[in-house]
Amino acid sequence: MSDLPKEIKIVEEGPREGFQFEAGPIATARKIELIDALSTTGLKQIQIVSFVDPRRVPGMADAEDVVRGITPAEGVAYTGLWLNDKGFERALATQRLKVSGTITVGASDAFLKRNQNRTIKEQIASQHAITARYTQLGIPVTRGGMMAAFGCNFEGDIPVQRVVELVGEILAIAQANDVSLEYVSLADTMAWATPLAIKRVVGAVRDKYPDLELSLHLHDTRGLGLANAYAGLEMGVRRFDAAVAGLGGCPFAGHAGAAGNICTEDFVLMCEEMGVATGVDLDALIQCALLAEDIVGHPLPGAVMKGGALARLRAAKQAS
């Protein structure tokens, strides 16, 4: 498949990714300021917090205060991340988030053991119970997710066939619980993906499950984030996670240089220049990126916020 999609969906994860990763404390009011600004850009889904142990992730200690303080915009879904029952209960208790379940697996035993003290088999078994609980509570289960789908700092390369088999496990869990998933997300948690790897893995999953919609969560630690996203577009992927200004990183990746997701405004520029609609106001998004940089108090990796949008430059050229 080489035809690019006509339009895509972007899940903005900058607030959650960034504010859980930054070393210094960031005022709750400033987190809310960025979220409210992002709400005006045309983004339809923003992941704003994670409900995790504040001893491990102190940047999320004020998660409930952030959720309470935002001004929700019509048509925007605000979501949170959780890794266990306690986190799930905290998300539900806010009564302000779009709460839906995810069937989550990991492609690396070493990564799962390090971060959740489980093996792949134990993680799969846990997801049967979690999915059953979601359905009993009337919580929709709309998504499957796979961590470390392209490689792992602790285990190395992940066999493509393992990814395909784990997608099958996700779908089997959904079927056993009478759940219909909208899509399955493949996460390059530790930035091992290359454009060729994206095409191999996505192609293999598509060969086995041709009707399954996929999403990509791509970290940019090795500078291949946008190249990997482009490879995904070429394979027909229509859902992507991104982070404004390139905020964030993975606090569990095992090294200090772990970068955040692909930069939202850089990705939007690339897509719009290729005729792929994002529904996002790039100029407004650039202002959010500059705001994010001001909030964290140090340079962020986004490029378009520094170089400017090409459409604006073209207009200025024509006016002159």
Foldseek 3Di string as FASTA:
>chain_A
DFDFDLAFAEEAEAQAQFLQFFPDEFDLVLLQVLVQLQQPWQHAEYEHHEQDDCVLRVSRPCVLVNLVPHDHDPRHAYHYHYDDDVRLVVRVVSVRHQDAAELEFELDQVLCCQPVVDGRVRSLVVSLVVLLVCVVVVHAHAEYEYHLQAAAPGPGGGDLVSSLVVVVSRVVSCVVNVHDYQAYEYENQQAPDALVSLCVNLVVNCVVVVVHAYEYWHWCLPPRQLVNVSSVSSVVHRYYYAYALFGHFHSSRPDDSGTHTHHVLVNCLVCVVVSHHHSTNSVSSLVSSVSVCVRSVHHGNDDCNPVDRVVVVVVVVVVD
